[in-house]
Amino acid sequence: MTLTLTTLAKPDSSRTTNIDESLQIMMDHLIPEDGTQDDNIQHKNARRLANQPIDTLNDQEFTMDEVIQTIENFNPQKAPGLDWVTGEIPTLKFQNIPQTLTAMYNDCLKRGHFPAQWKIAKIITITKPDKKDRYDISKYRPISLINLKCKVLEKLLINGIVHHIHKYKSLNLTNLASCLRKVQ
C-alpha cells in the first residue's frame, strides 16, 4: 500500500492545504536547524573541539583488505542512493581497480575531506505502525538513502574510530572529535 502525503497538522492545529506546505512542515519537523541556543555543555565542548586544528599525522591509511571487506559486507538487496549503485557493483569494480579505489578513500582521509556530492541523500518517509492519526507529523520517520561511495567511506571511518577506542580501551573525546571533524 502506498501512502500519498497530502495533509498534515501544523503547529497551530490547522492543516496543510497542498503538498509543498506538507513537505515544508515535514522538513521543519524532521530536519531541525542546528542552532546554538539549545546547546548543553557537551554540545558546547563538541563545537569548541570541532574548531581546533586537525592532526592528520597519526592517521593509518586504509588497506586494500579493509576496503574490500567493507564493500563486501554491504547487503546487495539494500535500496540504492541517488547514484542507483547497489552492493554488488563496487565489489566487481574493486576486483578490477583495487589500488585506485583504495587510493581514493585514502585521499579523502589524508585531506580530511568528505566529498559534498557523496553526502546528498534521497529522503523517504515511512509511517510508524503505532501511530493512528495520519495528520500527526510524528507518525512519519525519515530514511536517508545515500550513495554507496559515501557508505563505504563512513564505514571505513567508523571502523577506524572503533579500533582506536578498543586499542586504547578508552574514549578520548579530543581524539574522537578530531576523527569526527574529518568527515565534515
C-alpha atoms as a PDB file:
ATOM      1  CA  MET A   1       0.000   0.000   0.000  1.00  0.00           C
ATOM      2  CA  THR A   2       1.423   3.382  -0.975  1.00  0.00           C
ATOM      3  CA  LEU A   3       0.515   6.400   1.119  1.00  0.00           C
ATOM      4  CA  THR A   4       0.465   9.725  -0.654  1.00  0.00           C
ATOM      5  CA  LEU A   5       1.228  12.583   1.695  1.00  0.00           C
ATOM      6  CA  THR A   6      -1.224  15.422   1.251  1.00  0.00           C
ATOM      7  CA  THR A   7      -2.349  16.829   4.601  1.00  0.00           C
ATOM      8  CA  LEU A   8      -0.591  17.251   7.948  1.00  0.00           C
ATOM      9  CA  ALA A   9      -1.412  19.076  11.150  1.00  0.00           C
ATOM     10  CA  LYS A  10       0.523  22.345  11.554  1.00  0.00           C
ATOM     11  CA  PRO A  11       1.822  23.568  14.932  1.00  0.00           C
ATOM     12  CA  ASP A  12      -1.171  25.939  15.179  1.00  0.00           C
ATOM     13  CA  SER A  13      -3.551  22.901  14.790  1.00  0.00           C
ATOM     14  CA  SER A  14      -4.678  23.928  11.308  1.00  0.00           C
ATOM     15  CA  ARG A  15      -3.903  21.579   8.410  1.00  0.00           C
ATOM     16  CA  THR A  16      -1.719  21.910   5.363  1.00  0.00           C
ATOM     17  CA  THR A  17      -3.537  22.532   2.101  1.00  0.00           C
ATOM     18  CA  ASN A  18      -1.041  21.353  -0.526  1.00  0.00           C
ATOM     19  CA  ILE A  19       1.951  19.058  -1.000  1.00  0.00           C
ATOM     20  CA  ASP A  20       4.505  21.903  -0.810  1.00  0.00           C
ATOM     21  CA  GLU A  21       3.170  23.039   2.549  1.00  0.00           C
ATOM     22  CA  SER A  22       3.100  19.443   3.822  1.00  0.00           C
ATOM     23  CA  LEU A  23       6.694  18.891   2.733  1.00  0.00           C
ATOM     24  CA  GLN A  24       7.816  22.117   4.448  1.00  0.00           C
ATOM     25  CA  ILE A  25       6.134  21.056   7.718  1.00  0.00           C
ATOM     26  CA  MET A  26       7.787  17.642   7.421  1.00  0.00           C
ATOM     27  CA  MET A  27      11.222  19.153   6.725  1.00  0.00           C
ATOM     28  CA  ASP A  28      10.899  21.554   9.662  1.00  0.00           C
ATOM     29  CA  HIS A  29       9.986  18.660  11.957  1.00  0.00           C
ATOM     30  CA  LEU A  30      12.442  16.018  10.705  1.00  0.00           C
ATOM     31  CA  ILE A  31      15.463  18.209   9.930  1.00  0.00           C
ATOM     32  CA  PRO A  32      15.693  20.974  12.545  1.00  0.00           C
ATOM     33  CA  GLU A  33      18.173  23.848  12.257  1.00  0.00           C
ATOM     34  CA  ASP A  34      21.448  23.401  14.130  1.00  0.00           C
ATOM     35  CA  GLY A  35      21.447  26.434  16.359  1.00  0.00           C
ATOM     36  CA  THR A  36      23.453  27.123  19.492  1.00  0.00           C
ATOM     37  CA  GLN A  37      20.506  28.346  21.572  1.00  0.00           C
ATOM     38  CA  ASP A  38      19.718  24.844  22.941  1.00  0.00           C
ATOM     39  CA  ASP A  39      23.329  23.676  23.398  1.00  0.00           C
ATOM     40  CA  ASN A  40      24.202  21.960  26.648  1.00  0.00           C
ATOM     41  CA  ILE A  41      27.798  21.676  27.940  1.00  0.00           C
ATOM     42  CA  GLN A  42      28.545  18.616  25.740  1.00  0.00           C
ATOM     43  CA  HIS A  43      27.359  20.442  22.625  1.00  0.00           C
ATOM     44  CA  LYS A  44      29.464  23.486  23.508  1.00  0.00           C
ATOM     45  CA  ASN A  45      32.545  21.303  24.038  1.00  0.00           C
ATOM     46  CA  ALA A  46      31.961  19.488  20.733  1.00  0.00           C
ATOM     47  CA  ARG A  47      31.680  22.806  18.872  1.00  0.00           C
ATOM     48  CA  ARG A  48      34.867  24.074  20.559  1.00  0.00           C
ATOM     49  CA  LEU A  49      36.797  20.894  19.664  1.00  0.00           C
ATOM     50  CA  ALA A  50      35.483  20.989  16.096  1.00  0.00           C
ATOM     51  CA  ASN A  51      37.153  24.370  15.587  1.00  0.00           C
ATOM     52  CA  GLN A  52      40.606  23.184  16.690  1.00  0.00           C
ATOM     53  CA  PRO A  53      43.229  22.212  14.077  1.00  0.00           C
ATOM     54  CA  ILE A  54      43.203  18.601  12.862  1.00  0.00           C
ATOM     55  CA  ASP A  55      46.244  16.400  13.472  1.00  0.00           C
ATOM     56  CA  THR A  56      46.356  14.044  10.496  1.00  0.00           C
ATOM     57  CA  LEU A  57      49.869  12.723  11.150  1.00  0.00           C
ATOM     58  CA  ASN A  58      48.635   9.780  13.239  1.00  0.00           C
ATOM     59  CA  ASP A  59      46.054   8.527  10.757  1.00  0.00           C
ATOM     60  CA  GLN A  60      46.551   4.998   9.495  1.00  0.00           C
ATOM     61  CA  GLU A  61      45.840   4.600   5.801  1.00  0.00           C
ATOM     62  CA  PHE A  62      43.100   2.189   4.772  1.00  0.00           C
ATOM     63  CA  THR A  63      44.407  -1.088   3.393  1.00  0.00           C
ATOM     64  CA  MET A  64      43.037  -2.791   0.289  1.00  0.00           C
ATOM     65  CA  ASP A  65      41.818  -5.605   2.546  1.00  0.00           C
ATOM     66  CA  GLU A  66      39.871  -3.144   4.711  1.00  0.00           C
ATOM     67  CA  VAL A  67      38.276  -1.516   1.682  1.00  0.00           C
ATOM     68  CA  ILE A  68      37.240  -4.794   0.006  1.00  0.00           C
ATOM     69  CA  GLN A  69      35.960  -6.248   3.291  1.00  0.00           C
ATOM     70  CA  THR A  70      33.875  -3.116   3.878  1.00  0.00           C
ATOM     71  CA  ILE A  71      32.477  -3.199   0.334  1.00  0.00           C
ATOM     72  CA  GLU A  72      31.695  -6.928   0.511  1.00  0.00           C
ATOM     73  CA  ASN A  73      29.810  -6.506   3.807  1.00  0.00           C
ATOM     74  CA  PHE A  74      27.114  -4.338   2.215  1.00  0.00           C
ATOM     75  CA  ASN A  75      23.826  -6.074   1.561  1.00  0.00           C
ATOM     76  CA  PRO A  76      23.189  -6.098  -2.203  1.00  0.00           C
ATOM     77  CA  GLN A  77      19.437  -6.033  -1.502  1.00  0.00           C
ATOM     78  CA  LYS A  78      19.539  -2.634   0.241  1.00  0.00           C
ATOM     79  CA  ALA A  79      17.972   0.315  -1.537  1.00  0.00           C
ATOM     80  CA  PRO A  80      20.498   2.399  -3.502  1.00  0.00           C
ATOM     81  CA  GLY A  81      21.114   6.131  -3.168  1.00  0.00           C
ATOM     82  CA  LEU A  82      20.755   8.702  -5.920  1.00  0.00           C
ATOM     83  CA  ASP A  83      23.538   7.026  -7.925  1.00  0.00           C
ATOM     84  CA  TRP A  84      21.473   3.803  -8.112  1.00  0.00           C
ATOM     85  CA  VAL A  85      24.577   1.737  -7.299  1.00  0.00           C
ATOM     86  CA  THR A  86      23.795  -1.423  -5.341  1.00  0.00           C
ATOM     87  CA  GLY A  87      26.181  -3.550  -3.257  1.00  0.00           C
ATOM     88  CA  GLU A  88      27.374  -5.942  -5.952  1.00  0.00           C
ATOM     89  CA  ILE A  89      28.653  -3.262  -8.368  1.00  0.00           C
ATOM     90  CA  PRO A  90      31.512  -1.930  -6.151  1.00  0.00           C
ATOM     91  CA  THR A  91      32.642  -5.495  -5.455  1.00  0.00           C
ATOM     92  CA  LEU A  92      33.039  -6.085  -9.177  1.00  0.00           C
ATOM     93  CA  LYS A  93      34.682  -2.681  -9.615  1.00  0.00           C
ATOM     94  CA  PHE A  94      37.134  -3.348  -6.767  1.00  0.00           C
ATOM     95  CA  GLN A  95      38.261  -6.587  -8.412  1.00  0.00           C
ATOM     96  CA  ASN A  96      39.381  -4.560 -11.460  1.00  0.00           C
ATOM     97  CA  ILE A  97      40.887  -1.467  -9.826  1.00  0.00           C
ATOM     98  CA  PRO A  98      41.652  -2.187  -6.148  1.00  0.00           C
ATOM     99  CA  GLN A  99      44.567   0.266  -5.882  1.00  0.00           C
ATOM    100  CA  THR A 100      42.529   3.111  -7.403  1.00  0.00           C
ATOM    101  CA  LEU A 101      39.565   2.711  -5.050  1.00  0.00           C
ATOM    102  CA  THR A 102      41.809   2.305  -2.006  1.00  0.00           C
ATOM    103  CA  ALA A 103      43.778   5.409  -3.036  1.00  0.00           C
ATOM    104  CA  MET A 104      40.521   7.367  -3.461  1.00  0.00           C
ATOM    105  CA  TYR A 105      39.415   6.618   0.130  1.00  0.00           C
ATOM    106  CA  ASN A 106      42.914   7.267   1.492  1.00  0.00           C
ATOM    107  CA  ASP A 107      42.980  10.606  -0.311  1.00  0.00           C
ATOM    108  CA  CYS A 108      39.722  11.554   1.446  1.00  0.00           C
ATOM    109  CA  LEU A 109      41.307  10.560   4.765  1.00  0.00           C
ATOM    110  CA  LYS A 110      44.575  12.402   4.090  1.00  0.00           C
ATOM    111  CA  ARG A 111      42.810  15.616   3.059  1.00  0.00           C
ATOM    112  CA  GLY A 112      40.219  15.373   5.832  1.00  0.00           C
ATOM    113  CA  HIS A 113      37.640  15.784   3.075  1.00  0.00           C
ATOM    114  CA  PHE A 114      34.275  14.093   2.618  1.00  0.00           C
ATOM    115  CA  PRO A 115      33.083  14.963  -0.920  1.00  0.00           C
ATOM    116  CA  ALA A 116      29.905  17.044  -0.721  1.00  0.00           C
ATOM    117  CA  GLN A 117      28.251  15.218  -3.633  1.00  0.00           C
ATOM    118  CA  TRP A 118      28.581  11.937  -1.693  1.00  0.00           C
ATOM    119  CA  LYS A 119      26.547  13.422   1.179  1.00  0.00           C
ATOM    120  CA  ILE A 120      23.459  14.099  -0.932  1.00  0.00           C
ATOM    121  CA  ALA A 121      20.673  11.796   0.227  1.00  0.00           C
ATOM    122  CA  LYS A 122      17.273  10.814  -1.034  1.00  0.00           C
ATOM    123  CA  ILE A 123      14.953  11.063   1.964  1.00  0.00           C
ATOM    124  CA  ILE A 124      11.981   8.738   2.074  1.00  0.00           C
ATOM    125  CA  THR A 125       9.436   8.802   4.867  1.00  0.00           C
ATOM    126  CA  ILE A 126       7.831   5.693   6.252  1.00  0.00           C
ATOM    127  CA  THR A 127       4.928   5.564   8.650  1.00  0.00           C
ATOM    128  CA  LYS A 128       5.284   4.298  12.185  1.00  0.00           C
ATOM    129  CA  PRO A 129       2.837   1.434  12.745  1.00  0.00           C
ATOM    130  CA  ASP A 130       1.826   2.503  16.263  1.00  0.00           C
ATOM    131  CA  LYS A 131       0.628   5.963  15.217  1.00  0.00           C
ATOM    132  CA  LYS A 132      -3.021   6.168  14.161  1.00  0.00           C
ATOM    133  CA  ASP A 133      -3.542   9.852  13.362  1.00  0.00           C
ATOM    134  CA  ARG A 134      -2.492  10.287   9.728  1.00  0.00           C
ATOM    135  CA  TYR A 135      -2.315  14.081  10.206  1.00  0.00           C
ATOM    136  CA  ASP A 136       0.272  13.827  13.025  1.00  0.00           C
ATOM    137  CA  ILE A 137       3.791  14.653  11.772  1.00  0.00           C
ATOM    138  CA  SER A 138       5.330  12.341  14.406  1.00  0.00           C
ATOM    139  CA  LYS A 139       3.732   9.404  12.544  1.00  0.00           C
ATOM    140  CA  TYR A 140       6.443   9.683   9.893  1.00  0.00           C
ATOM    141  CA  ARG A 141      10.080   8.601  10.134  1.00  0.00           C
ATOM    142  CA  PRO A 142      12.742   9.555   7.570  1.00  0.00           C
ATOM    143  CA  ILE A 143      15.127   7.134   5.904  1.00  0.00           C
ATOM    144  CA  SER A 144      18.107   8.620   4.076  1.00  0.00           C
ATOM    145  CA  LEU A 145      19.308   6.715   1.042  1.00  0.00           C
ATOM    146  CA  ILE A 146      22.932   7.679   0.397  1.00  0.00           C
ATOM    147  CA  ASN A 147      25.362   6.712  -2.341  1.00  0.00           C
ATOM    148  CA  LEU A 148      27.419   3.583  -1.780  1.00  0.00           C
ATOM    149  CA  LYS A 149      30.726   5.507  -2.030  1.00  0.00           C
ATOM    150  CA  CYS A 150      29.527   7.530   0.956  1.00  0.00           C
ATOM    151  CA  LYS A 151      28.500   4.402   2.874  1.00  0.00           C
ATOM    152  CA  VAL A 152      31.924   2.830   2.286  1.00  0.00           C
ATOM    153  CA  LEU A 153      33.832   5.916   3.481  1.00  0.00           C
ATOM    154  CA  GLU A 154      31.555   6.274   6.526  1.00  0.00           C
ATOM    155  CA  LYS A 155      32.057   2.613   7.441  1.00  0.00           C
ATOM    156  CA  LEU A 156      35.842   2.821   6.982  1.00  0.00           C
ATOM    157  CA  LEU A 157      35.945   5.867   9.286  1.00  0.00           C
ATOM    158  CA  ILE A 158      33.661   4.234  11.863  1.00  0.00           C
ATOM    159  CA  ASN A 159      35.806   1.096  11.853  1.00  0.00           C
ATOM    160  CA  GLY A 160      38.886   3.272  12.469  1.00  0.00           C
ATOM    161  CA  ILE A 161      37.203   5.035  15.384  1.00  0.00           C
ATOM    162  CA  VAL A 162      36.039   1.745  16.925  1.00  0.00           C
ATOM    163  CA  HIS A 163      39.540   0.278  16.507  1.00  0.00           C
ATOM    164  CA  HIS A 164      41.016   3.334  18.252  1.00  0.00           C
ATOM    165  CA  ILE A 165      38.558   3.005  21.144  1.00  0.00           C
ATOM    166  CA  HIS A 166      39.316  -0.713  21.616  1.00  0.00           C
ATOM    167  CA  LYS A 167      43.071  -0.266  21.190  1.00  0.00           C
ATOM    168  CA  TYR A 168      43.325   2.370  23.896  1.00  0.00           C
ATOM    169  CA  LYS A 169      40.460   0.961  25.975  1.00  0.00           C
ATOM    170  CA  SER A 170      39.031   4.426  26.366  1.00  0.00           C
ATOM    171  CA  LEU A 171      37.100   7.098  24.620  1.00  0.00           C
ATOM    172  CA  ASN A 172      39.376  10.112  24.371  1.00  0.00           C
ATOM    173  CA  LEU A 173      36.956  12.876  23.415  1.00  0.00           C
ATOM    174  CA  THR A 174      39.665  15.136  21.992  1.00  0.00           C
ATOM    175  CA  ASN A 175      40.902  12.418  19.623  1.00  0.00           C
ATOM    176  CA  LEU A 176      37.357  11.359  18.772  1.00  0.00           C
ATOM    177  CA  ALA A 177      36.387  14.955  17.954  1.00  0.00           C
ATOM    178  CA  SER A 178      39.415  15.148  15.660  1.00  0.00           C
ATOM    179  CA  CYS A 179      38.286  11.975  13.858  1.00  0.00           C
ATOM    180  CA  LEU A 180      34.718  13.196  13.525  1.00  0.00           C
ATOM    181  CA  ARG A 181      35.753  16.608  12.132  1.00  0.00           C
ATOM    182  CA  LYS A 182      37.379  14.799   9.235  1.00  0.00           C
ATOM    183  CA  VAL A 183      34.044  13.574   7.902  1.00  0.00           C
ATOM    184  CA  GLN A 184      32.552  17.055   7.632  1.00  0.00           C
END
